[in-house]
Amino acid sequence: MTTGTDLRGSRVLPVDRVARAVIVLVLVALVAVLALAFRRDPQDIRTGTVGHPAPAFDLQRLDQPGRLRLADMKGKVVVVNFFASWCIPCKEEAPAFIRAWERYRGSDVMFVGIVYQDTPDAAKAFHEQLGQTWPIAVDDNGRTAISFGVFGVPETYFIGPDGVIAGRHIGPIDEQTLENGIELLRPKTEGPGPSLLLPSAI
């Protein structure tokens, strides 16, 4: 063990002991930072795109021939879900999406699935095997995901009839949160209803 002395000849703390103390302090600080980070709801990460017009996209459809364009959905509430076949949480949220889609299909609400870092064949098979029937498209170069500010999958964005991103949900979404986000954006035809909040997305 290495020790040192000061100019008056008195012993000081061993160098090895000081080094170990510094390492312990650094580790404690790191644990504290991580603990604070994990206390925050991971679904409540803000993004610069919320409150701004949704980035336009024009993507190749996978569920059928043709293109999927945001411009073609103008005036509707659009729910955009970024997903991948290798994403386990994407499979977990599928039943909620299917029930919500069956409720809103044919209305003023549109669901869109955009493939994130996956092969078209795997994503299409995943979509069909789960019984999902809303339009899906492939984001070949990842530009659409980047323009929306996607961190990973699944992520769901709520776009109002005015084309503005009103909310974002990170992680698997449940049916109630989906409905809350949609109803918050749908035009009210019978006067004001109860205030609906999208707790983890807005």
C-alpha atoms as a PDB file:
ATOM      1  CA  MET A   1       0.000   0.000   0.000  1.00  0.00           C
ATOM      2  CA  THR A   2       1.335   3.404  -0.967  1.00  0.00           C
ATOM      3  CA  THR A   3       1.324   6.134   1.663  1.00  0.00           C
ATOM      4  CA  GLY A   4       2.466   9.738   1.630  1.00  0.00           C
ATOM      5  CA  THR A   5       3.760  12.338   4.041  1.00  0.00           C
ATOM      6  CA  ASP A   6       3.294  16.062   4.173  1.00  0.00           C
ATOM      7  CA  LEU A   7       6.141  18.585   4.461  1.00  0.00           C
ATOM      8  CA  ARG A   8       6.064  18.342   8.280  1.00  0.00           C
ATOM      9  CA  GLY A   9       6.614  14.591   8.153  1.00  0.00           C
ATOM     10  CA  SER A  10       3.121  13.557   9.288  1.00  0.00           C
ATOM     11  CA  ARG A  11       1.415  10.647   7.600  1.00  0.00           C
ATOM     12  CA  VAL A  12      -1.476  11.291   5.191  1.00  0.00           C
ATOM     13  CA  LEU A  13      -4.149   8.926   3.956  1.00  0.00           C
ATOM     14  CA  PRO A  14      -2.859   6.044   1.810  1.00  0.00           C
ATOM     15  CA  VAL A  15      -3.182   6.769  -1.915  1.00  0.00           C
ATOM     16  CA  ASP A  16      -5.046   3.491  -2.530  1.00  0.00           C
ATOM     17  CA  ARG A  17      -7.592   4.346   0.154  1.00  0.00           C
ATOM     18  CA  VAL A  18      -8.184   7.794  -1.339  1.00  0.00           C
ATOM     19  CA  ALA A  19      -8.667   6.306  -4.801  1.00  0.00           C
ATOM     20  CA  ARG A  20     -11.179   3.817  -3.459  1.00  0.00           C
ATOM     21  CA  ALA A  21     -13.071   6.592  -1.660  1.00  0.00           C
ATOM     22  CA  VAL A  22     -13.274   8.641  -4.856  1.00  0.00           C
ATOM     23  CA  ILE A  23     -14.615   5.647  -6.800  1.00  0.00           C
ATOM     24  CA  VAL A  24     -17.251   4.988  -4.142  1.00  0.00           C
ATOM     25  CA  LEU A  25     -18.372   8.624  -4.233  1.00  0.00           C
ATOM     26  CA  VAL A  26     -18.637   8.549  -8.027  1.00  0.00           C
ATOM     27  CA  LEU A  27     -20.697   5.338  -7.894  1.00  0.00           C
ATOM     28  CA  VAL A  28     -23.015   6.764  -5.238  1.00  0.00           C
ATOM     29  CA  ALA A  29     -23.561   9.880  -7.346  1.00  0.00           C
ATOM     30  CA  LEU A  30     -24.279   7.744 -10.423  1.00  0.00           C
ATOM     31  CA  VAL A  31     -26.812   5.611  -8.546  1.00  0.00           C
ATOM     32  CA  ALA A  32     -28.529   8.754  -7.258  1.00  0.00           C
ATOM     33  CA  VAL A  33     -28.820  10.179 -10.770  1.00  0.00           C
ATOM     34  CA  LEU A  34     -30.243   6.924 -12.116  1.00  0.00           C
ATOM     35  CA  ALA A  35     -32.701   6.682  -9.256  1.00  0.00           C
ATOM     36  CA  LEU A  36     -34.012  10.156  -9.986  1.00  0.00           C
ATOM     37  CA  ALA A  37     -34.263   9.338 -13.680  1.00  0.00           C
ATOM     38  CA  PHE A  38     -36.267   6.173 -13.076  1.00  0.00           C
ATOM     39  CA  ARG A  39     -38.650   7.966 -10.725  1.00  0.00           C
ATOM     40  CA  ARG A  40     -39.828   9.951 -13.713  1.00  0.00           C
ATOM     41  CA  ASP A  41     -42.555   8.349 -15.795  1.00  0.00           C
ATOM     42  CA  PRO A  42     -40.814   7.166 -18.995  1.00  0.00           C
ATOM     43  CA  GLN A  43     -44.026   7.886 -20.894  1.00  0.00           C
ATOM     44  CA  ASP A  44     -43.883  11.547 -19.918  1.00  0.00           C
ATOM     45  CA  ILE A  45     -40.850  12.565 -21.959  1.00  0.00           C
ATOM     46  CA  ARG A  46     -41.522  15.870 -23.679  1.00  0.00           C
ATOM     47  CA  THR A  47     -40.688  16.380 -27.321  1.00  0.00           C
ATOM     48  CA  GLY A  48     -40.256  19.456 -29.427  1.00  0.00           C
ATOM     49  CA  THR A  49     -42.794  18.175 -31.950  1.00  0.00           C
ATOM     50  CA  VAL A  50     -45.805  18.288 -29.597  1.00  0.00           C
ATOM     51  CA  GLY A  51     -47.725  21.493 -30.226  1.00  0.00           C
ATOM     52  CA  HIS A  52     -46.302  21.841 -33.724  1.00  0.00           C
ATOM     53  CA  PRO A  53     -47.611  20.767 -37.147  1.00  0.00           C
ATOM     54  CA  ALA A  54     -47.063  17.065 -37.764  1.00  0.00           C
ATOM     55  CA  PRO A  55     -44.241  16.350 -40.215  1.00  0.00           C
ATOM     56  CA  ALA A  56     -45.609  15.407 -43.612  1.00  0.00           C
ATOM     57  CA  PHE A  57     -44.953  11.871 -44.793  1.00  0.00           C
ATOM     58  CA  ASP A  58     -45.486   9.993 -48.037  1.00  0.00           C
ATOM     59  CA  LEU A  59     -44.659   6.330 -47.485  1.00  0.00           C
ATOM     60  CA  GLN A  60     -45.054   3.013 -49.291  1.00  0.00           C
ATOM     61  CA  ARG A  61     -47.945   1.014 -47.873  1.00  0.00           C
ATOM     62  CA  LEU A  62     -47.405  -2.558 -46.707  1.00  0.00           C
ATOM     63  CA  ASP A  63     -50.978  -3.670 -46.145  1.00  0.00           C
ATOM     64  CA  GLN A  64     -51.902  -3.027 -49.781  1.00  0.00           C
ATOM     65  CA  PRO A  65     -50.473  -1.325 -52.868  1.00  0.00           C
ATOM     66  CA  GLY A  66     -50.238   2.445 -52.833  1.00  0.00           C
ATOM     67  CA  ARG A  67     -48.899   5.284 -50.728  1.00  0.00           C
ATOM     68  CA  LEU A  68     -49.775   6.500 -47.251  1.00  0.00           C
ATOM     69  CA  ARG A  69     -49.807  10.298 -47.080  1.00  0.00           C
ATOM     70  CA  LEU A  70     -50.589  12.432 -44.076  1.00  0.00           C
ATOM     71  CA  ALA A  71     -51.942  15.075 -46.446  1.00  0.00           C
ATOM     72  CA  ASP A  72     -54.727  12.685 -47.483  1.00  0.00           C
ATOM     73  CA  MET A  73     -55.995  12.588 -43.864  1.00  0.00           C
ATOM     74  CA  LYS A  74     -56.460  16.331 -43.505  1.00  0.00           C
ATOM     75  CA  GLY A  75     -59.349  17.247 -41.199  1.00  0.00           C
ATOM     76  CA  LYS A  76     -59.262  13.922 -39.319  1.00  0.00           C
ATOM     77  CA  VAL A  77     -57.894  12.879 -35.977  1.00  0.00           C
ATOM     78  CA  VAL A  78     -54.856  10.767 -36.837  1.00  0.00           C
ATOM     79  CA  VAL A  79     -53.278   8.251 -34.475  1.00  0.00           C
ATOM     80  CA  VAL A  80     -49.757   7.410 -35.651  1.00  0.00           C
ATOM     81  CA  ASN A  81     -48.143   4.360 -34.078  1.00  0.00           C
ATOM     82  CA  PHE A  82     -44.484   3.522 -34.651  1.00  0.00           C
ATOM     83  CA  PHE A  83     -43.936  -0.223 -34.238  1.00  0.00           C
ATOM     84  CA  ALA A  84     -41.737  -3.197 -35.139  1.00  0.00           C
ATOM     85  CA  SER A  85     -42.204  -6.974 -35.265  1.00  0.00           C
ATOM     86  CA  TRP A  86     -39.316  -7.518 -32.816  1.00  0.00           C
ATOM     87  CA  CYS A  87     -40.913  -5.188 -30.245  1.00  0.00           C
ATOM     88  CA  ILE A  88     -42.557  -7.156 -27.407  1.00  0.00           C
ATOM     89  CA  PRO A  89     -44.419  -4.097 -25.986  1.00  0.00           C
ATOM     90  CA  CYS A  90     -45.840  -3.532 -29.497  1.00  0.00           C
ATOM     91  CA  LYS A  91     -47.464  -6.951 -29.262  1.00  0.00           C
ATOM     92  CA  GLU A  92     -48.733  -6.154 -25.751  1.00  0.00           C
ATOM     93  CA  GLU A  93     -50.545  -3.018 -26.905  1.00  0.00           C
ATOM     94  CA  ALA A  94     -52.059  -4.633 -30.020  1.00  0.00           C
ATOM     95  CA  PRO A  95     -55.392  -5.702 -28.412  1.00  0.00           C
ATOM     96  CA  ALA A  96     -56.025  -2.140 -27.216  1.00  0.00           C
ATOM     97  CA  PHE A  97     -55.361  -0.788 -30.704  1.00  0.00           C
ATOM     98  CA  ILE A  98     -57.606  -3.395 -32.311  1.00  0.00           C
ATOM     99  CA  ARG A  99     -60.547  -2.612 -30.019  1.00  0.00           C
ATOM    100  CA  ALA A 100     -60.118   1.138 -30.489  1.00  0.00           C
ATOM    101  CA  TRP A 101     -59.789   0.753 -34.266  1.00  0.00           C
ATOM    102  CA  GLU A 102     -62.978  -1.301 -34.463  1.00  0.00           C
ATOM    103  CA  ARG A 103     -64.756   1.442 -32.551  1.00  0.00           C
ATOM    104  CA  TYR A 104     -63.524   4.362 -34.661  1.00  0.00           C
ATOM    105  CA  ARG A 105     -62.990   2.928 -38.146  1.00  0.00           C
ATOM    106  CA  GLY A 106     -65.144   4.636 -40.730  1.00  0.00           C
ATOM    107  CA  SER A 107     -65.393   7.767 -38.584  1.00  0.00           C
ATOM    108  CA  ASP A 108     -63.378  10.971 -38.478  1.00  0.00           C
ATOM    109  CA  VAL A 109     -60.485   9.061 -36.872  1.00  0.00           C
ATOM    110  CA  MET A 110     -57.640   7.422 -38.780  1.00  0.00           C
ATOM    111  CA  PHE A 111     -55.084   4.943 -37.444  1.00  0.00           C
ATOM    112  CA  VAL A 112     -51.676   4.651 -39.095  1.00  0.00           C
ATOM    113  CA  GLY A 113     -48.885   2.207 -38.346  1.00  0.00           C
ATOM    114  CA  ILE A 114     -45.331   3.112 -39.374  1.00  0.00           C
ATOM    115  CA  VAL A 115     -42.652   0.428 -39.343  1.00  0.00           C
ATOM    116  CA  TYR A 116     -39.563   1.344 -37.349  1.00  0.00           C
ATOM    117  CA  GLN A 117     -36.193  -0.325 -37.979  1.00  0.00           C
ATOM    118  CA  ASP A 118     -37.696  -3.564 -39.259  1.00  0.00           C
ATOM    119  CA  THR A 119     -37.985  -5.459 -42.531  1.00  0.00           C
ATOM    120  CA  PRO A 120     -41.173  -4.954 -44.544  1.00  0.00           C
ATOM    121  CA  ASP A 121     -41.944  -8.695 -44.685  1.00  0.00           C
ATOM    122  CA  ALA A 122     -41.557  -9.201 -40.922  1.00  0.00           C
ATOM    123  CA  ALA A 123     -43.627  -6.110 -40.126  1.00  0.00           C
ATOM    124  CA  LYS A 124     -46.405  -7.084 -42.535  1.00  0.00           C
ATOM    125  CA  ALA A 125     -46.555 -10.627 -41.129  1.00  0.00           C
ATOM    126  CA  PHE A 126     -46.624  -9.255 -37.570  1.00  0.00           C
ATOM    127  CA  HIS A 127     -49.466  -6.878 -38.475  1.00  0.00           C
ATOM    128  CA  GLU A 128     -51.546  -9.602 -40.124  1.00  0.00           C
ATOM    129  CA  GLN A 129     -50.927 -12.282 -37.495  1.00  0.00           C
ATOM    130  CA  LEU A 130     -52.210  -9.986 -34.757  1.00  0.00           C
ATOM    131  CA  GLY A 131     -55.374  -9.272 -36.710  1.00  0.00           C
ATOM    132  CA  GLN A 132     -54.662  -5.590 -37.267  1.00  0.00           C
ATOM    133  CA  THR A 133     -56.406  -4.041 -40.275  1.00  0.00           C
ATOM    134  CA  TRP A 134     -55.500  -0.346 -40.259  1.00  0.00           C
ATOM    135  CA  PRO A 135     -53.049   1.013 -42.859  1.00  0.00           C
ATOM    136  CA  ILE A 136     -49.342   0.486 -42.288  1.00  0.00           C
ATOM    137  CA  ALA A 137     -46.338   1.849 -44.139  1.00  0.00           C
ATOM    138  CA  VAL A 138     -42.589   1.412 -44.105  1.00  0.00           C
ATOM    139  CA  ASP A 139     -40.211   4.206 -43.124  1.00  0.00           C
ATOM    140  CA  ASP A 140     -37.287   3.006 -45.245  1.00  0.00           C
ATOM    141  CA  ASN A 141     -34.721   5.645 -44.389  1.00  0.00           C
ATOM    142  CA  GLY A 142     -35.994   6.447 -40.899  1.00  0.00           C
ATOM    143  CA  ARG A 143     -36.613  10.096 -41.768  1.00  0.00           C
ATOM    144  CA  THR A 144     -40.243  10.030 -40.685  1.00  0.00           C
ATOM    145  CA  ALA A 145     -39.345   8.634 -37.262  1.00  0.00           C
ATOM    146  CA  ILE A 146     -36.613  11.241 -36.876  1.00  0.00           C
ATOM    147  CA  SER A 147     -38.922  14.067 -37.916  1.00  0.00           C
ATOM    148  CA  PHE A 148     -41.472  12.984 -35.288  1.00  0.00           C
ATOM    149  CA  GLY A 149     -38.781  12.697 -32.617  1.00  0.00           C
ATOM    150  CA  VAL A 150     -39.131   8.950 -32.037  1.00  0.00           C
ATOM    151  CA  PHE A 151     -36.852   7.504 -29.320  1.00  0.00           C
ATOM    152  CA  GLY A 152     -37.913   3.877 -29.767  1.00  0.00           C
ATOM    153  CA  VAL A 153     -40.968   1.669 -30.147  1.00  0.00           C
ATOM    154  CA  PRO A 154     -43.761   1.636 -29.446  1.00  0.00           C
ATOM    155  CA  GLU A 155     -44.567   5.329 -29.632  1.00  0.00           C
ATOM    156  CA  THR A 156     -47.967   6.804 -30.445  1.00  0.00           C
ATOM    157  CA  TYR A 157     -48.713  10.321 -31.641  1.00  0.00           C
ATOM    158  CA  PHE A 158     -52.095  12.062 -31.641  1.00  0.00           C
ATOM    159  CA  ILE A 159     -52.630  14.550 -34.465  1.00  0.00           C
ATOM    160  CA  GLY A 160     -55.625  16.865 -34.396  1.00  0.00           C
ATOM    161  CA  PRO A 161     -57.839  17.804 -37.371  1.00  0.00           C
ATOM    162  CA  ASP A 162     -55.748  20.967 -37.636  1.00  0.00           C
ATOM    163  CA  GLY A 163     -52.658  18.870 -38.376  1.00  0.00           C
ATOM    164  CA  VAL A 164     -50.933  19.708 -35.089  1.00  0.00           C
ATOM    165  CA  ILE A 165     -49.397  17.020 -32.857  1.00  0.00           C
ATOM    166  CA  ALA A 166     -51.428  17.300 -29.653  1.00  0.00           C
ATOM    167  CA  GLY A 167     -49.888  14.436 -27.696  1.00  0.00           C
ATOM    168  CA  ARG A 168     -47.394  11.653 -27.567  1.00  0.00           C
ATOM    169  CA  HIS A 169     -47.361   8.375 -25.647  1.00  0.00           C
ATOM    170  CA  ILE A 170     -44.144   6.441 -25.136  1.00  0.00           C
ATOM    171  CA  GLY A 171     -44.353   2.713 -24.487  1.00  0.00           C
ATOM    172  CA  PRO A 172     -47.323   0.337 -24.770  1.00  0.00           C
ATOM    173  CA  ILE A 173     -50.607   2.200 -24.658  1.00  0.00           C
ATOM    174  CA  ASP A 174     -53.877   1.045 -23.100  1.00  0.00           C
ATOM    175  CA  GLU A 175     -57.351   1.383 -24.563  1.00  0.00           C
ATOM    176  CA  GLN A 176     -58.492   4.112 -22.158  1.00  0.00           C
ATOM    177  CA  THR A 177     -55.500   6.324 -22.955  1.00  0.00           C
ATOM    178  CA  LEU A 178     -56.123   5.810 -26.659  1.00  0.00           C
ATOM    179  CA  GLU A 179     -59.773   6.806 -26.321  1.00  0.00           C
ATOM    180  CA  ASN A 180     -58.961   9.788 -24.120  1.00  0.00           C
ATOM    181  CA  GLY A 181     -56.439  11.080 -26.628  1.00  0.00           C
ATOM    182  CA  ILE A 182     -58.840  10.630 -29.523  1.00  0.00           C
ATOM    183  CA  GLU A 183     -61.900  12.112 -27.843  1.00  0.00           C
ATOM    184  CA  LEU A 184     -59.904  15.119 -26.683  1.00  0.00           C
ATOM    185  CA  LEU A 185     -59.295  15.992 -30.328  1.00  0.00           C
ATOM    186  CA  ARG A 186     -62.626  15.138 -31.922  1.00  0.00           C
ATOM    187  CA  PRO A 187     -64.960  18.083 -32.629  1.00  0.00           C
ATOM    188  CA  LYS A 188     -67.654  18.350 -29.974  1.00  0.00           C
ATOM    189  CA  THR A 189     -71.111  18.368 -31.552  1.00  0.00           C
ATOM    190  CA  GLU A 190     -73.252  18.373 -28.402  1.00  0.00           C
ATOM    191  CA  GLY A 191     -71.686  21.077 -26.317  1.00  0.00           C
ATOM    192  CA  PRO A 192     -68.723  20.740 -23.977  1.00  0.00           C
ATOM    193  CA  GLY A 193     -68.286  17.353 -22.357  1.00  0.00           C
ATOM    194  CA  PRO A 194     -66.075  16.276 -19.479  1.00  0.00           C
ATOM    195  CA  SER A 195     -62.481  17.397 -19.632  1.00  0.00           C
ATOM    196  CA  LEU A 196     -60.393  14.548 -21.000  1.00  0.00           C
ATOM    197  CA  LEU A 197     -56.689  14.456 -20.373  1.00  0.00           C
ATOM    198  CA  LEU A 198     -53.969  12.424 -21.996  1.00  0.00           C
ATOM    199  CA  PRO A 199     -51.773  12.170 -18.892  1.00  0.00           C
ATOM    200  CA  SER A 200     -48.640  10.714 -20.385  1.00  0.00           C
ATOM    201  CA  ALA A 201     -48.678  12.351 -23.763  1.00  0.00           C
ATOM    202  CA  ILE A 202     -49.503  16.043 -23.544  1.00  0.00           C
END
